[in-house]
PDB file of N, CA and C in Angstrom:
ATOM      1  N   MET A   1      77.603 -10.436  14.032  1.00  0.00           N
ATOM      2  CA  MET A   1      76.428  -9.607  13.905  1.00  0.00           C
ATOM      3  C   MET A   1      75.448  -9.999  15.001  1.00  0.00           C
ATOM      4  N   SER A   2      75.069  -9.067  15.848  1.00  0.00           N
ATOM      5  CA  SER A   2      74.137  -9.357  16.927  1.00  0.00           C
ATOM      6  C   SER A   2      72.773  -8.783  16.581  1.00  0.00           C
ATOM      7  N   LEU A   3      71.776  -9.433  17.126  1.00  0.00           N
ATOM      8  CA  LEU A   3      70.414  -8.982  16.890  1.00  0.00           C
ATOM      9  C   LEU A   3      70.100  -7.762  17.736  1.00  0.00           C
ATOM     10  N   GLN A   4      69.298  -6.897  17.213  1.00  0.00           N
ATOM     11  CA  GLN A   4      68.896  -5.714  17.947  1.00  0.00           C
ATOM     12  C   GLN A   4      67.840  -6.100  18.978  1.00  0.00           C
ATOM     13  N   LYS A   5      67.924  -5.557  20.177  1.00  0.00           N
ATOM     14  CA  LYS A   5      66.961  -5.871  21.226  1.00  0.00           C
ATOM     15  C   LYS A   5      65.606  -5.264  20.869  1.00  0.00           C
ATOM     16  N   PRO A   6      64.524  -5.992  21.146  1.00  0.00           N
ATOM     17  CA  PRO A   6      63.207  -5.423  20.871  1.00  0.00           C
ATOM     18  C   PRO A   6      62.899  -4.292  21.858  1.00  0.00           C
ATOM     19  N   VAL A   7      62.203  -3.309  21.373  1.00  0.00           N
ATOM     20  CA  VAL A   7      61.824  -2.184  22.221  1.00  0.00           C
ATOM     21  C   VAL A   7      60.523  -2.555  22.936  1.00  0.00           C
ATOM     22  N   MET A   8      60.631  -2.785  24.245  1.00  0.00           N
ATOM     23  CA  MET A   8      59.471  -3.214  25.015  1.00  0.00           C
ATOM     24  C   MET A   8      58.806  -2.049  25.748  1.00  0.00           C
ATOM     25  N   ARG A   9      59.543  -0.990  25.977  1.00  0.00           N
ATOM     26  CA  ARG A   9      58.991   0.148  26.709  1.00  0.00           C
ATOM     27  C   ARG A   9      57.972   0.882  25.843  1.00  0.00           C
ATOM     28  N   GLY A  10      56.767   1.032  26.356  1.00  0.00           N
ATOM     29  CA  GLY A  10      55.723   1.740  25.625  1.00  0.00           C
ATOM     30  C   GLY A  10      55.098   0.929  24.497  1.00  0.00           C
ATOM     31  N   LEU A  11      55.330  -0.372  24.488  1.00  0.00           N
ATOM     32  CA  LEU A  11      54.808  -1.210  23.401  1.00  0.00           C
ATOM     33  C   LEU A  11      53.282  -1.245  23.411  1.00  0.00           C
ATOM     34  N   LEU A  12      52.684  -1.397  24.596  1.00  0.00           N
ATOM     35  CA  LEU A  12      51.231  -1.457  24.688  1.00  0.00           C
ATOM     36  C   LEU A  12      50.593  -0.147  24.240  1.00  0.00           C
ATOM     37  N   SER A  13      51.141   0.962  24.690  1.00  0.00           N
ATOM     38  CA  SER A  13      50.540   2.252  24.318  1.00  0.00           C
ATOM     39  C   SER A  13      50.680   2.525  22.825  1.00  0.00           C
ATOM     40  N   ARG A  14      51.783   2.100  22.222  1.00  0.00           N
ATOM     41  CA  ARG A  14      51.936   2.279  20.777  1.00  0.00           C
ATOM     42  C   ARG A  14      50.959   1.409  19.997  1.00  0.00           C
ATOM     43  N   ARG A  15      50.766   0.179  20.457  1.00  0.00           N
ATOM     44  CA  ARG A  15      49.835  -0.719  19.773  1.00  0.00           C
ATOM     45  C   ARG A  15      48.394  -0.229  19.946  1.00  0.00           C
ATOM     46  N   LEU A  16      48.057   0.233  21.157  1.00  0.00           N
ATOM     47  CA  LEU A  16      46.707   0.722  21.397  1.00  0.00           C
ATOM     48  C   LEU A  16      46.422   2.000  20.621  1.00  0.00           C
ATOM     49  N   ARG A  17      47.394   2.836  20.451  1.00  0.00           N
ATOM     50  CA  ARG A  17      47.206   4.068  19.702  1.00  0.00           C
ATOM     51  C   ARG A  17      46.774   3.773  18.265  1.00  0.00           C
ATOM     52  N   PHE A  18      47.160   2.640  17.735  1.00  0.00           N
ATOM     53  CA  PHE A  18      46.761   2.236  16.384  1.00  0.00           C
ATOM     54  C   PHE A  18      45.472   1.418  16.397  1.00  0.00           C
ATOM     55  N   HIS A  19      45.399   0.415  17.283  1.00  0.00           N
ATOM     56  CA  HIS A  19      44.306  -0.550  17.234  1.00  0.00           C
ATOM     57  C   HIS A  19      43.005  -0.068  17.866  1.00  0.00           C
ATOM     58  N   LEU A  20      43.060   0.772  18.871  1.00  0.00           N
ATOM     59  CA  LEU A  20      41.844   1.224  19.528  1.00  0.00           C
ATOM     60  C   LEU A  20      40.962   2.068  18.609  1.00  0.00           C
ATOM     61  N   PRO A  21      41.465   3.077  17.932  1.00  0.00           N
ATOM     62  CA  PRO A  21      40.596   3.810  16.995  1.00  0.00           C
ATOM     63  C   PRO A  21      40.120   2.935  15.837  1.00  0.00           C
ATOM     64  N   LEU A  22      40.960   2.022  15.394  1.00  0.00           N
ATOM     65  CA  LEU A  22      40.571   1.115  14.320  1.00  0.00           C
ATOM     66  C   LEU A  22      39.417   0.218  14.765  1.00  0.00           C
ATOM     67  N   ALA A  23      39.500  -0.336  15.965  1.00  0.00           N
ATOM     68  CA  ALA A  23      38.437  -1.199  16.478  1.00  0.00           C
ATOM     69  C   ALA A  23      37.153  -0.400  16.696  1.00  0.00           C
ATOM     70  N   PHE A  24      37.262   0.802  17.211  1.00  0.00           N
ATOM     71  CA  PHE A  24      36.094   1.634  17.436  1.00  0.00           C
ATOM     72  C   PHE A  24      35.417   1.993  16.115  1.00  0.00           C
ATOM     73  N   GLY A  25      36.204   2.396  15.141  1.00  0.00           N
ATOM     74  CA  GLY A  25      35.653   2.750  13.830  1.00  0.00           C
ATOM     75  C   GLY A  25      34.999   1.572  13.134  1.00  0.00           C
ATOM     76  N   LEU A  26      35.645   0.418  13.204  1.00  0.00           N
ATOM     77  CA  LEU A  26      35.098  -0.779  12.572  1.00  0.00           C
ATOM     78  C   LEU A  26      33.800  -1.214  13.247  1.00  0.00           C
ATOM     79  N   SER A  27      33.764  -1.165  14.577  1.00  0.00           N
ATOM     80  CA  SER A  27      32.534  -1.562  15.267  1.00  0.00           C
ATOM     81  C   SER A  27      31.409  -0.575  14.979  1.00  0.00           C
ATOM     82  N   LEU A  28      31.709   0.702  14.873  1.00  0.00           N
ATOM     83  CA  LEU A  28      30.695   1.696  14.531  1.00  0.00           C
ATOM     84  C   LEU A  28      30.157   1.451  13.126  1.00  0.00           C
ATOM     85  N   PHE A  29      31.046   1.141  12.201  1.00  0.00           N
ATOM     86  CA  PHE A  29      30.634   0.845  10.826  1.00  0.00           C
ATOM     87  C   PHE A  29      29.734  -0.389  10.768  1.00  0.00           C
ATOM     88  N   VAL A  30      30.091  -1.434  11.483  1.00  0.00           N
ATOM     89  CA  VAL A  30      29.306  -2.669  11.481  1.00  0.00           C
ATOM     90  C   VAL A  30      27.936  -2.427  12.116  1.00  0.00           C
ATOM     91  N   ALA A  31      27.891  -1.625  13.180  1.00  0.00           N
ATOM     92  CA  ALA A  31      26.609  -1.340  13.822  1.00  0.00           C
ATOM     93  C   ALA A  31      25.688  -0.563  12.888  1.00  0.00           C
ATOM     94  N   VAL A  32      26.220   0.420  12.183  1.00  0.00           N
ATOM     95  CA  VAL A  32      25.402   1.201  11.249  1.00  0.00           C
ATOM     96  C   VAL A  32      24.963   0.336  10.069  1.00  0.00           C
ATOM     97  N   ALA A  33      25.873  -0.491   9.567  1.00  0.00           N
ATOM     98  CA  ALA A  33      25.522  -1.375   8.452  1.00  0.00           C
ATOM     99  C   ALA A  33      24.436  -2.367   8.867  1.00  0.00           C
ATOM    100  N   TYR A  34      24.517  -2.915  10.069  1.00  0.00           N
ATOM    101  CA  TYR A  34      23.502  -3.851  10.559  1.00  0.00           C
ATOM    102  C   TYR A  34      22.162  -3.158  10.700  1.00  0.00           C
ATOM    103  N   LYS A  35      22.186  -1.926  11.193  1.00  0.00           N
ATOM    104  CA  LYS A  35      20.939  -1.193  11.381  1.00  0.00           C
ATOM    105  C   LYS A  35      20.221  -1.003  10.061  1.00  0.00           C
ATOM    106  N   TYR A  36      20.940  -0.617   9.017  1.00  0.00           N
ATOM    107  CA  TYR A  36      20.276  -0.305   7.753  1.00  0.00           C
ATOM    108  C   TYR A  36      20.090  -1.508   6.832  1.00  0.00           C
ATOM    109  N   THR A  37      20.795  -2.604   7.067  1.00  0.00           N
ATOM    110  CA  THR A  37      20.603  -3.777   6.208  1.00  0.00           C
ATOM    111  C   THR A  37      19.717  -4.845   6.843  1.00  0.00           C
ATOM    112  N   VAL A  38      19.580  -4.838   8.178  1.00  0.00           N
ATOM    113  CA  VAL A  38      18.782  -5.870   8.843  1.00  0.00           C
ATOM    114  C   VAL A  38      17.603  -5.263   9.600  1.00  0.00           C
ATOM    115  N   THR A  39      17.869  -4.313  10.462  1.00  0.00           N
ATOM    116  CA  THR A  39      16.837  -3.810  11.356  1.00  0.00           C
ATOM    117  C   THR A  39      15.757  -3.014  10.642  1.00  0.00           C
ATOM    118  N   GLU A  40      16.147  -2.088   9.804  1.00  0.00           N
ATOM    119  CA  GLU A  40      15.156  -1.258   9.107  1.00  0.00           C
ATOM    120  C   GLU A  40      14.260  -2.072   8.170  1.00  0.00           C
ATOM    121  N   PRO A  41      14.801  -2.986   7.335  1.00  0.00           N
ATOM    122  CA  PRO A  41      13.899  -3.815   6.521  1.00  0.00           C
ATOM    123  C   PRO A  41      12.973  -4.699   7.367  1.00  0.00           C
ATOM    124  N   ARG A  42      13.458  -5.165   8.511  1.00  0.00           N
ATOM    125  CA  ARG A  42      12.620  -5.992   9.378  1.00  0.00           C
ATOM    126  C   ARG A  42      11.484  -5.162   9.964  1.00  0.00           C
ATOM    127  N   LYS A  43      11.777  -3.947  10.401  1.00  0.00           N
ATOM    128  CA  LYS A  43      10.722  -3.074  10.919  1.00  0.00           C
ATOM    129  C   LYS A  43       9.701  -2.753   9.834  1.00  0.00           C
ATOM    130  N   GLN A  44      10.167  -2.542   8.617  1.00  0.00           N
ATOM    131  CA  GLN A  44       9.254  -2.240   7.518  1.00  0.00           C
ATOM    132  C   GLN A  44       8.388  -3.449   7.182  1.00  0.00           C
ATOM    133  N   ALA A  45       8.966  -4.642   7.243  1.00  0.00           N
ATOM    134  CA  ALA A  45       8.187  -5.857   6.970  1.00  0.00           C
ATOM    135  C   ALA A  45       7.101  -6.055   8.022  1.00  0.00           C
ATOM    136  N   TYR A  46       7.418  -5.813   9.294  1.00  0.00           N
ATOM    137  CA  TYR A  46       6.403  -5.906  10.336  1.00  0.00           C
ATOM    138  C   TYR A  46       5.316  -4.864  10.128  1.00  0.00           C
ATOM    139  N   ALA A  47       5.709  -3.645   9.780  1.00  0.00           N
ATOM    140  CA  ALA A  47       4.719  -2.584   9.558  1.00  0.00           C
ATOM    141  C   ALA A  47       3.800  -2.945   8.393  1.00  0.00           C
ATOM    142  N   ASP A  48       4.365  -3.485   7.317  1.00  0.00           N
ATOM    143  CA  ASP A  48       3.549  -3.889   6.167  1.00  0.00           C
ATOM    144  C   ASP A  48       2.607  -5.031   6.522  1.00  0.00           C
ATOM    145  N   PHE A  49       3.075  -5.969   7.345  1.00  0.00           N
ATOM    146  CA  PHE A  49       2.240  -7.109   7.728  1.00  0.00           C
ATOM    147  C   PHE A  49       1.062  -6.653   8.575  1.00  0.00           C
ATOM    148  N   TYR A  50       1.327  -5.842   9.573  1.00  0.00           N
ATOM    149  CA  TYR A  50       0.262  -5.441  10.487  1.00  0.00           C
ATOM    150  C   TYR A  50      -0.624  -4.336   9.938  1.00  0.00           C
ATOM    151  N   LYS A  51      -0.274  -3.784   8.792  1.00  0.00           N
ATOM    152  CA  LYS A  51      -1.116  -2.764   8.175  1.00  0.00           C
ATOM    153  C   LYS A  51      -2.459  -3.359   7.761  1.00  0.00           C
ATOM    154  N   ASN A  52      -2.460  -4.591   7.270  1.00  0.00           N
ATOM    155  CA  ASN A  52      -3.685  -5.229   6.797  1.00  0.00           C
ATOM    156  C   ASN A  52      -4.070  -6.453   7.630  1.00  0.00           C
ATOM    157  N   TYR A  53      -3.490  -6.609   8.805  1.00  0.00           N
ATOM    158  CA  TYR A  53      -3.737  -7.786   9.633  1.00  0.00           C
ATOM    159  C   TYR A  53      -5.029  -7.616  10.425  1.00  0.00           C
ATOM    160  N   ASP A  54      -5.863  -8.625  10.370  1.00  0.00           N
ATOM    161  CA  ASP A  54      -7.116  -8.611  11.128  1.00  0.00           C
ATOM    162  C   ASP A  54      -7.062  -9.761  12.133  1.00  0.00           C
ATOM    163  N   ALA A  55      -6.881  -9.440  13.396  1.00  0.00           N
ATOM    164  CA  ALA A  55      -6.721 -10.454  14.435  1.00  0.00           C
ATOM    165  C   ALA A  55      -8.001 -11.253  14.649  1.00  0.00           C
ATOM    166  N   VAL A  56      -9.143 -10.609  14.530  1.00  0.00           N
ATOM    167  CA  VAL A  56     -10.420 -11.306  14.744  1.00  0.00           C
ATOM    168  C   VAL A  56     -10.641 -12.332  13.635  1.00  0.00           C
ATOM    169  N   LYS A  57     -10.345 -11.957  12.417  1.00  0.00           N
ATOM    170  CA  LYS A  57     -10.498 -12.886  11.291  1.00  0.00           C
ATOM    171  C   LYS A  57      -9.548 -14.076  11.458  1.00  0.00           C
ATOM    172  N   GLU A  58      -8.322 -13.808  11.898  1.00  0.00           N
ATOM    173  CA  GLU A  58      -7.354 -14.881  12.138  1.00  0.00           C
ATOM    174  C   GLU A  58      -7.838 -15.808  13.254  1.00  0.00           C
ATOM    175  N   PHE A  59      -8.376 -15.236  14.324  1.00  0.00           N
ATOM    176  CA  PHE A  59      -8.912 -16.037  15.426  1.00  0.00           C
ATOM    177  C   PHE A  59     -10.062 -16.914  14.961  1.00  0.00           C
ATOM    178  N   ASN A  60     -10.972 -16.336  14.194  1.00  0.00           N
ATOM    179  CA  ASN A  60     -12.106 -17.125  13.701  1.00  0.00           C
ATOM    180  C   ASN A  60     -11.650 -18.256  12.792  1.00  0.00           C
ATOM    181  N   GLY A  61     -10.648 -18.006  11.985  1.00  0.00           N
ATOM    182  CA  GLY A  61     -10.117 -19.066  11.127  1.00  0.00           C
ATOM    183  C   GLY A  61      -9.486 -20.187  11.928  1.00  0.00           C
ATOM    184  N   MET A  62      -8.763 -19.861  12.978  1.00  0.00           N
ATOM    185  CA  MET A  62      -8.162 -20.889  13.828  1.00  0.00           C
ATOM    186  C   MET A  62      -9.228 -21.619  14.637  1.00  0.00           C
ATOM    187  N   ARG A  63     -10.274 -20.896  15.048  1.00  0.00           N
ATOM    188  CA  ARG A  63     -11.364 -21.532  15.790  1.00  0.00           C
ATOM    189  C   ARG A  63     -12.076 -22.552  14.910  1.00  0.00           C
ATOM    190  N   GLU A  64     -12.353 -22.188  13.672  1.00  0.00           N
ATOM    191  CA  GLU A  64     -13.019 -23.111  12.752  1.00  0.00           C
ATOM    192  C   GLU A  64     -12.129 -24.295  12.390  1.00  0.00           C
ATOM    193  N   ALA A  65     -10.815 -24.099  12.416  1.00  0.00           N
ATOM    194  CA  ALA A  65      -9.899 -25.201  12.105  1.00  0.00           C
ATOM    195  C   ALA A  65      -9.735 -26.152  13.286  1.00  0.00           C
ATOM    196  N   GLY A  66     -10.224 -25.770  14.469  1.00  0.00           N
ATOM    197  CA  GLY A  66     -10.128 -26.646  15.626  1.00  0.00           C
ATOM    198  C   GLY A  66      -8.805 -26.555  16.352  1.00  0.00           C
ATOM    199  N   VAL A  67      -8.138 -25.426  16.258  1.00  0.00           N
ATOM    200  CA  VAL A  67      -6.846 -25.267  16.918  1.00  0.00           C
ATOM    201  C   VAL A  67      -7.004 -25.168  18.425  1.00  0.00           C
ATOM    202  N   PHE A  68      -8.048 -24.501  18.879  1.00  0.00           N
ATOM    203  CA  PHE A  68      -8.234 -24.254  20.300  1.00  0.00           C
ATOM    204  C   PHE A  68      -9.062 -25.367  20.939  1.00  0.00           C
ATOM    205  N   GLU A  69      -8.685 -25.766  22.158  1.00  0.00           N
ATOM    206  CA  GLU A  69      -9.446 -26.764  22.886  1.00  0.00           C
ATOM    207  C   GLU A  69     -10.588 -26.127  23.679  1.00  0.00           C
ATOM    208  N   SER A  70     -10.426 -24.863  24.067  1.00  0.00           N
ATOM    209  CA  SER A  70     -11.426 -24.224  24.925  1.00  0.00           C
ATOM    210  C   SER A  70     -12.543 -23.546  24.148  1.00  0.00           C
ATOM    211  N   VAL A  71     -12.386 -23.401  22.850  1.00  0.00           N
ATOM    212  CA  VAL A  71     -13.402 -22.737  22.033  1.00  0.00           C
ATOM    213  C   VAL A  71     -13.853 -23.716  20.956  1.00  0.00           C
ATOM    214  N   GLN A  72     -15.140 -23.972  20.934  1.00  0.00           N
ATOM    215  CA  GLN A  72     -15.690 -24.910  19.945  1.00  0.00           C
ATOM    216  C   GLN A  72     -15.916 -24.184  18.607  1.00  0.00           C
ATOM    217  N   PRO A  73     -15.739 -24.867  17.504  1.00  0.00           N
ATOM    218  CA  PRO A  73     -16.094 -24.277  16.210  1.00  0.00           C
ATOM    219  C   PRO A  73     -17.585 -23.970  16.153  1.00  0.00           C
ATOM    220  N   THR A  74     -17.974 -23.014  15.342  1.00  0.00           N
ATOM    221  CA  THR A  74     -19.365 -22.603  15.303  1.00  0.00           C
ATOM    222  C   THR A  74     -20.273 -23.671  14.717  1.00  0.00           C
ATOM    223  N   GLY A  75     -19.760 -24.596  13.936  1.00  0.00           N
ATOM    224  CA  GLY A  75     -20.576 -25.635  13.325  1.00  0.00           C
ATOM    225  C   GLY A  75     -20.976 -26.721  14.313  1.00  0.00           C
ATOM    226  N   LYS A  76     -20.322 -26.835  15.450  1.00  0.00           N
ATOM    227  CA  LYS A  76     -20.639 -27.920  16.400  1.00  0.00           C
ATOM    228  C   LYS A  76     -21.642 -27.498  17.424  1.00  0.00           C
TER     229      LYS A  76
END
């Protein structure tokens, strides 16, 4: 009993015909899933944070805490 020779002609094109659409579909699915599970909630969190953020109040709080070397607290 002899072993059958492997078919090498057209092997790459047959493998690509299966794997290329699979890889494309999977990468598209992962990109869409990442967009809606990571990116959109992150954008919403930033929007919620900056909706009520007051930069001047934050600056004054850091100035009074002595964070800055170039700006003296108002009490000094």
